[in-house]
Amino acid sequence: MTIAEHDICLSYKGVEKKFKNITALEGIDLEVCRGEIFGYIGPDGAGKTTLIRMAMGITNPDRGECTLLGSKDRRKARMNAGYVPQIFSLYTDMTVNENIALFGSLYGTSRETVLKRAEAILKRTGLWPFRERMVGKLSGGMKQKLALASGLMHTPEILFLDEPTTGVDPVARREFWAMLYELNREGLTIIVSTPYMDEAELCTRKMFINNGKILDVGTSEELLSRYDKKILKLELDERRAKEWLLKCAHVYDANLFGSSYHIVVDDAAAAVLAVTKELELRYAEAPELFEITPSLEDLFVSFSGGEPSCQK
C-alpha cells in the first residue's frame, strides 16, 4: 500500500527494541494512515504494548526511527494523542467527574473548557448519570468508557487503546466499539491492540505480530487472500483427537474451536478421504466433516502457533 507522506500519522522504520536479553521488537517497518482504525493483532507478549509505548514516547527504539504525527519528538507530539492503557489507571476513590476534570486539567486547559468537554464526553459515553459515582463502584464496562472519555478530554488527533475490552462483557464491548466507530467517522485515527478476532475484523487494516516481528499487514480480504491452506471443520468435541488427526495424510495442524476442530490441510479432497477413513475406524457414526472458508481466527492460530483466542 503506497501512502502519501502527509497522510502518515505514525511510522516505524527499522525499529528494534530489547529489554535485557529479550528481543521485544525486531525489524519493524510500518506506516499508519490518518483516519484509519488500525489493529495490532497478536498473542500476549507479541510486542503490541511495546509498539504503543514507543509511539507515545514512553520508550525509545534501540535502532531505527519512530515518528508520531510527523514528529520525531514523540513526547511533544503526544500532547495531541490519547492513550487508554491496558490496566485501568484512574483513581477509584474519586468520582467520575473528579477523575475526568483532573485529567483534562493536566493538559493546561481552563476549568471552564474542561467542564464543558467533560459534560459533552460523559453524555456521549453514557456516563453522565453516573458522574457523581465513585469510580471504584463502576462496572468493568463503565470503567473502560471512563478511560476512553479521559483519553478524549484534550480532543486528540490519534487515539491508542491497548487491549481496551479485556474482561469486559460482550454487550459493553459492542457499545465500546460503536463509540470508536462514531469517533472514527468524525476523523479520529484509532490504533487498538487486541487478541480478539471479532475486534480485529472491525479494524480497517490490521497487522499480525508475534515474537516482536510483523508477520503480515493488510485488510481482512488481503490477509486471507495470502493464506495458502484449506480448512476442514470436524464436528467432534474430543480433545485427544488432535493426536491422531495430525497423523492423517495432508493434515498440517488441527485445533479445537469450541466444540469442533478446524483442520489445516493442503489438499482438501485428499485430506477428507484420509480423515474420513480414520473416523470410520474409530466411530460407529462418523462425525460431520466438511470444508469451510478460512477466517482471521485460523490465520491468528497459524501465525501464533498456538490455540484459538478465548473469544470469537
Protein backbone atom coordinates (compact mmCIF):
# COMPACT_ATOMS: atom_id res chain seq x y z
CA MET A 1 0.00 0.00 0.00
CA THR A 2 1.51 3.35 -1.06
CA ILE A 3 0.81 6.18 1.36
CA ALA A 4 1.46 9.90 0.77
CA GLU A 5 3.80 11.31 3.41
CA HIS A 6 1.28 13.90 4.64
CA ASP A 7 -1.26 11.11 5.26
CA ILE A 8 1.04 9.20 7.61
CA CYS A 9 0.32 9.81 11.29
CA LEU A 10 2.54 7.06 12.72
CA SER A 11 5.57 5.29 11.31
CA TYR A 12 8.19 2.80 12.43
CA LYS A 13 11.29 2.40 10.27
CA GLY A 14 13.70 -0.45 11.01
CA VAL A 15 12.73 -0.37 14.68
CA GLU A 16 14.36 -2.76 17.13
CA LYS A 17 13.97 -2.94 20.89
CA LYS A 18 15.46 -5.22 23.55
CA PHE A 19 14.80 -5.47 27.26
CA LYS A 20 17.95 -7.04 28.74
CA ASN A 21 18.36 -10.22 26.66
CA ILE A 22 14.78 -10.33 25.39
CA THR A 23 14.04 -9.02 21.88
CA ALA A 24 10.72 -7.17 22.11
CA LEU A 25 10.70 -5.75 18.56
CA GLU A 26 12.76 -6.72 15.52
CA GLY A 27 12.89 -5.06 12.10
CA ILE A 28 9.58 -3.23 12.43
CA ASP A 29 8.57 -1.26 9.32
CA LEU A 30 5.03 0.08 9.45
CA GLU A 31 3.02 3.13 8.41
CA VAL A 32 -0.44 4.04 9.68
CA CYS A 33 -2.67 6.49 7.78
CA ARG A 34 -4.76 9.29 9.18
CA GLY A 35 -8.39 8.25 9.55
CA GLU A 36 -7.72 4.53 9.95
CA ILE A 37 -8.84 2.13 12.64
CA PHE A 38 -5.64 0.13 12.71
CA GLY A 39 -5.28 -3.10 14.69
CA TYR A 40 -2.18 -4.54 16.34
CA ILE A 41 -3.11 -8.24 16.45
CA GLY A 42 -1.13 -10.87 18.31
CA PRO A 43 -0.93 -13.09 21.39
CA ASP A 44 0.32 -11.94 24.79
CA GLY A 45 3.99 -10.97 24.64
CA ALA A 46 3.93 -10.39 20.89
CA GLY A 47 5.15 -6.77 21.15
CA LYS A 48 1.84 -4.88 20.86
CA THR A 49 2.19 -2.85 24.07
CA THR A 50 5.83 -2.02 23.33
CA LEU A 51 4.79 -0.60 19.95
CA ILE A 52 2.20 1.65 21.60
CA ARG A 53 4.53 2.77 24.38
CA MET A 54 7.17 3.59 21.78
CA ALA A 55 4.70 5.61 19.71
CA MET A 56 3.83 7.64 22.82
CA GLY A 57 7.49 8.31 23.60
CA ILE A 58 7.40 6.27 26.81
CA THR A 59 10.20 4.07 25.49
CA ASN A 60 12.70 4.61 22.67
CA PRO A 61 13.96 2.25 19.93
CA ASP A 62 17.45 0.80 20.26
CA ARG A 63 17.68 1.06 16.48
CA GLY A 64 15.56 2.64 13.79
CA GLU A 65 13.15 5.54 13.99
CA CYS A 66 9.59 6.09 15.17
CA THR A 67 7.61 9.25 14.36
CA LEU A 68 4.22 10.34 15.72
CA LEU A 69 2.07 12.85 13.85
CA GLY A 70 5.04 13.66 11.63
CA SER A 71 7.38 14.43 14.54
CA LYS A 72 10.46 12.62 15.82
CA ASP A 73 9.83 14.31 19.16
CA ARG A 74 7.11 11.89 20.22
CA ARG A 75 6.90 13.24 23.77
CA LYS A 76 5.88 16.62 22.37
CA ALA A 77 3.60 15.12 19.71
CA ARG A 78 1.74 13.01 22.27
CA MET A 79 0.05 16.21 23.51
CA ASN A 80 -2.18 15.55 20.50
CA ALA A 81 -2.55 11.81 21.22
CA GLY A 82 -4.91 9.99 23.55
CA TYR A 83 -3.96 6.80 25.38
CA VAL A 84 -6.13 4.16 27.06
CA PRO A 85 -3.73 1.71 28.78
CA GLN A 86 -4.29 -2.00 29.25
CA ILE A 87 -4.56 -1.65 33.03
CA PHE A 88 -7.20 0.73 34.39
CA SER A 89 -5.23 3.59 35.94
CA LEU A 90 -7.76 6.19 37.10
CA TYR A 91 -8.48 6.96 40.76
CA THR A 92 -11.06 4.60 42.25
CA ASP A 93 -11.52 6.76 45.37
CA MET A 94 -12.63 9.77 43.30
CA THR A 95 -15.86 10.34 41.40
CA VAL A 96 -16.25 10.07 37.63
CA ASN A 97 -16.44 13.87 37.40
CA GLU A 98 -13.37 14.42 39.55
CA ASN A 99 -11.30 11.97 37.52
CA ILE A 100 -12.17 13.40 34.16
CA ALA A 101 -11.76 17.01 35.34
CA LEU A 102 -8.33 16.17 36.74
CA PHE A 103 -7.28 14.51 33.50
CA GLY A 104 -8.43 17.49 31.44
CA SER A 105 -6.56 19.94 33.66
CA LEU A 106 -3.29 18.07 33.15
CA TYR A 107 -3.22 19.42 29.60
CA GLY A 108 -3.37 23.02 30.81
CA THR A 109 -6.96 23.50 29.71
CA SER A 110 -9.04 26.14 31.53
CA ARG A 111 -11.51 24.89 34.13
CA GLU A 112 -14.47 26.25 32.15
CA THR A 113 -13.37 24.40 29.00
CA VAL A 114 -12.67 21.22 30.99
CA LEU A 115 -16.17 21.25 32.49
CA LYS A 116 -17.81 21.79 29.08
CA ARG A 117 -15.79 19.00 27.47
CA ALA A 118 -16.39 16.69 30.43
CA GLU A 119 -20.15 17.13 30.18
CA ALA A 120 -20.15 16.51 26.41
CA ILE A 121 -17.92 13.43 26.64
CA LEU A 122 -19.70 11.92 29.63
CA LYS A 123 -23.04 12.32 27.86
CA ARG A 124 -21.60 10.77 24.73
CA THR A 125 -20.28 7.74 26.61
CA GLY A 126 -23.45 7.33 28.68
CA LEU A 127 -21.66 8.15 31.94
CA TRP A 128 -23.39 11.47 32.64
CA PRO A 129 -25.99 9.92 35.03
CA PHE A 130 -23.10 8.37 36.99
CA ARG A 131 -20.90 11.46 37.15
CA GLU A 132 -21.02 11.63 40.97
CA ARG A 133 -20.44 7.91 41.47
CA MET A 134 -17.15 6.73 42.93
CA VAL A 135 -15.09 5.09 40.20
CA GLY A 136 -14.42 2.06 42.38
CA LYS A 137 -18.13 1.25 42.24
CA LEU A 138 -18.36 1.24 38.43
CA SER A 139 -18.70 -1.95 36.39
CA GLY A 140 -15.83 -3.08 34.16
CA GLY A 141 -17.54 -1.75 31.05
CA MET A 142 -18.22 1.64 32.65
CA LYS A 143 -14.61 1.90 33.78
CA GLN A 144 -13.43 1.36 30.22
CA LYS A 145 -15.84 4.03 29.00
CA LEU A 146 -14.40 6.39 31.60
CA ALA A 147 -10.86 5.56 30.48
CA LEU A 148 -11.93 6.33 26.91
CA ALA A 149 -13.57 9.59 28.00
CA SER A 150 -10.38 10.63 29.81
CA GLY A 151 -8.31 9.91 26.71
CA LEU A 152 -10.57 12.20 24.67
CA MET A 153 -10.57 15.19 27.01
CA HIS A 154 -7.90 17.09 25.04
CA THR A 155 -9.52 16.30 21.63
CA PRO A 156 -6.58 14.24 20.28
CA GLU A 157 -5.79 13.60 16.62
CA ILE A 158 -4.89 9.97 17.29
CA LEU A 159 -6.07 7.56 19.99
CA PHE A 160 -4.18 4.49 21.22
CA LEU A 161 -6.06 1.71 23.01
CA ASP A 162 -4.15 -1.21 24.49
CA GLU A 163 -6.47 -4.24 24.74
CA PRO A 164 -9.28 -1.95 25.95
CA THR A 165 -12.02 -4.57 26.33
CA THR A 166 -10.18 -7.31 28.22
CA GLY A 167 -12.50 -8.60 30.94
CA VAL A 168 -15.48 -6.58 29.65
CA ASP A 169 -18.81 -8.31 28.94
CA PRO A 170 -19.93 -8.74 25.29
CA VAL A 171 -22.67 -6.07 25.46
CA ALA A 172 -20.27 -3.48 26.86
CA ARG A 173 -17.72 -4.41 24.22
CA ARG A 174 -20.22 -3.76 21.42
CA GLU A 175 -21.16 -0.41 22.94
CA PHE A 176 -17.48 0.50 23.27
CA TRP A 177 -16.76 -0.31 19.63
CA ALA A 178 -19.85 1.59 18.48
CA MET A 179 -18.35 4.67 20.15
CA LEU A 180 -14.99 4.06 18.47
CA TYR A 181 -16.66 3.87 15.06
CA GLU A 182 -18.52 7.12 15.70
CA LEU A 183 -15.29 8.86 16.73
CA ASN A 184 -13.51 7.48 13.67
CA ARG A 185 -16.24 8.78 11.35
CA GLU A 186 -15.55 12.22 12.80
CA GLY A 187 -11.90 11.95 11.75
CA LEU A 188 -10.13 10.44 14.76
CA THR A 189 -7.34 7.99 13.89
CA ILE A 190 -7.57 4.95 16.17
CA ILE A 191 -4.92 2.33 16.92
CA VAL A 192 -6.07 -0.62 19.01
CA SER A 193 -4.24 -3.71 20.16
CA THR A 194 -6.32 -6.84 20.70
CA PRO A 195 -6.08 -10.64 20.81
CA TYR A 196 -9.77 -10.92 19.84
CA MET A 197 -10.54 -11.70 16.23
CA ASP A 198 -14.04 -10.21 16.24
CA GLU A 199 -12.39 -6.90 17.14
CA ALA A 200 -9.70 -7.44 14.52
CA GLU A 201 -12.47 -7.72 11.92
CA LEU A 202 -13.68 -4.26 12.92
CA CYS A 203 -10.33 -2.64 12.10
CA THR A 204 -9.96 -1.16 8.61
CA ARG A 205 -6.42 -2.55 8.43
CA LYS A 206 -4.53 -4.78 10.78
CA MET A 207 -1.05 -6.11 11.48
CA PHE A 208 -0.31 -9.58 12.79
CA ILE A 209 2.71 -9.59 15.10
CA ASN A 210 4.36 -12.35 17.10
CA ASN A 211 7.68 -12.57 18.95
CA GLY A 212 8.35 -8.95 18.06
CA LYS A 213 8.15 -9.49 14.29
CA ILE A 214 5.50 -8.33 11.84
CA LEU A 215 4.04 -11.35 10.06
CA ASP A 216 1.62 -9.59 7.69
CA VAL A 217 -0.29 -6.31 7.24
CA GLY A 218 -3.48 -5.57 5.33
CA THR A 219 -7.26 -5.63 5.24
CA SER A 220 -9.06 -8.85 6.17
CA GLU A 221 -9.51 -9.66 2.49
CA GLU A 222 -5.83 -9.05 1.71
CA LEU A 223 -4.62 -11.12 4.64
CA LEU A 224 -6.88 -14.08 3.90
CA SER A 225 -6.06 -13.98 0.18
CA ARG A 226 -2.44 -14.75 1.11
CA TYR A 227 -3.35 -17.74 3.30
CA ASP A 228 -2.37 -20.78 1.22
CA LYS A 229 -4.01 -23.57 3.25
CA LYS A 230 -7.53 -25.06 3.31
CA ILE A 231 -9.66 -25.58 6.41
CA LEU A 232 -11.82 -28.60 7.19
CA LYS A 233 -14.31 -28.44 10.05
CA LEU A 234 -14.87 -31.61 12.07
CA GLU A 235 -17.87 -31.68 14.41
CA LEU A 236 -16.09 -33.51 17.20
CA ASP A 237 -15.64 -32.31 20.78
CA GLU A 238 -12.82 -34.58 21.87
CA ARG A 239 -9.54 -33.02 22.91
CA ARG A 240 -7.46 -36.17 22.40
CA ALA A 241 -8.49 -36.39 18.74
CA LYS A 242 -5.75 -33.95 17.75
CA GLU A 243 -3.10 -36.63 18.26
CA TRP A 244 -4.46 -38.96 15.57
CA LEU A 245 -5.67 -36.16 13.28
CA LEU A 246 -2.10 -34.92 12.89
CA LYS A 247 -1.10 -38.37 11.63
CA CYS A 248 -3.55 -38.21 8.71
CA ALA A 249 -2.17 -37.50 5.22
CA HIS A 250 -2.29 -33.86 4.05
CA VAL A 251 -3.04 -32.56 7.59
CA TYR A 252 -0.73 -29.79 8.83
CA ASP A 253 -2.49 -28.82 12.05
CA ALA A 254 -5.72 -29.33 13.99
CA ASN A 255 -7.13 -27.05 16.68
CA LEU A 256 -10.25 -27.26 18.78
CA PHE A 257 -12.54 -24.25 18.24
CA GLY A 258 -15.31 -24.56 20.83
CA SER A 259 -16.90 -27.96 20.19
CA SER A 260 -15.36 -28.64 16.76
CA TYR A 261 -11.95 -28.95 15.11
CA HIS A 262 -10.51 -26.74 12.42
CA ILE A 263 -8.13 -28.96 10.45
CA VAL A 264 -5.45 -27.23 8.37
CA VAL A 265 -4.74 -29.10 5.12
CA ASP A 266 -3.02 -28.56 1.76
CA ASP A 267 -5.40 -30.67 -0.37
CA ALA A 268 -9.00 -30.59 0.89
CA ALA A 269 -10.32 -33.50 -1.16
CA ALA A 270 -7.41 -35.83 -0.32
CA ALA A 271 -7.49 -34.83 3.37
CA VAL A 272 -11.25 -35.52 3.58
CA LEU A 273 -10.60 -39.06 2.34
CA ALA A 274 -7.78 -39.63 4.82
CA VAL A 275 -9.63 -38.20 7.83
CA THR A 276 -12.90 -39.92 6.91
CA LYS A 277 -11.10 -43.29 6.80
CA GLU A 278 -9.86 -42.76 10.37
CA LEU A 279 -13.27 -41.60 11.55
CA GLU A 280 -14.94 -44.73 10.20
CA LEU A 281 -12.43 -46.89 12.06
CA ARG A 282 -12.90 -45.03 15.35
CA TYR A 283 -16.62 -44.16 15.47
CA ALA A 284 -19.76 -46.17 14.77
CA GLU A 285 -21.32 -42.98 13.43
CA ALA A 286 -18.67 -40.74 11.90
CA PRO A 287 -18.88 -37.03 12.91
CA GLU A 288 -19.63 -34.50 10.17
CA LEU A 289 -16.60 -33.28 8.18
CA PHE A 290 -16.64 -30.50 5.57
CA GLU A 291 -14.57 -27.68 4.11
CA ILE A 292 -15.09 -24.10 5.33
CA THR A 293 -13.71 -20.70 4.37
CA PRO A 294 -10.64 -19.75 6.45
CA SER A 295 -11.23 -16.97 8.99
CA LEU A 296 -8.97 -14.46 10.75
CA GLU A 297 -9.11 -16.81 13.72
CA ASP A 298 -7.48 -19.53 11.60
CA LEU A 299 -4.87 -17.02 10.46
CA PHE A 300 -4.24 -15.95 14.06
CA VAL A 301 -3.64 -19.55 15.13
CA SER A 302 -1.35 -20.11 12.15
CA PHE A 303 0.72 -17.03 12.93
CA SER A 304 0.84 -17.52 16.70
CA GLY A 305 1.43 -21.26 16.58
CA GLY A 306 -0.96 -21.61 19.48
CA GLU A 307 -4.57 -22.18 20.40
CA PRO A 308 -7.52 -20.05 19.28
CA SER A 309 -8.17 -16.89 21.31
CA CYS A 310 -10.77 -17.25 24.03
CA GLN A 311 -13.37 -15.07 22.30
CA LYS A 312 -14.54 -15.19 18.71
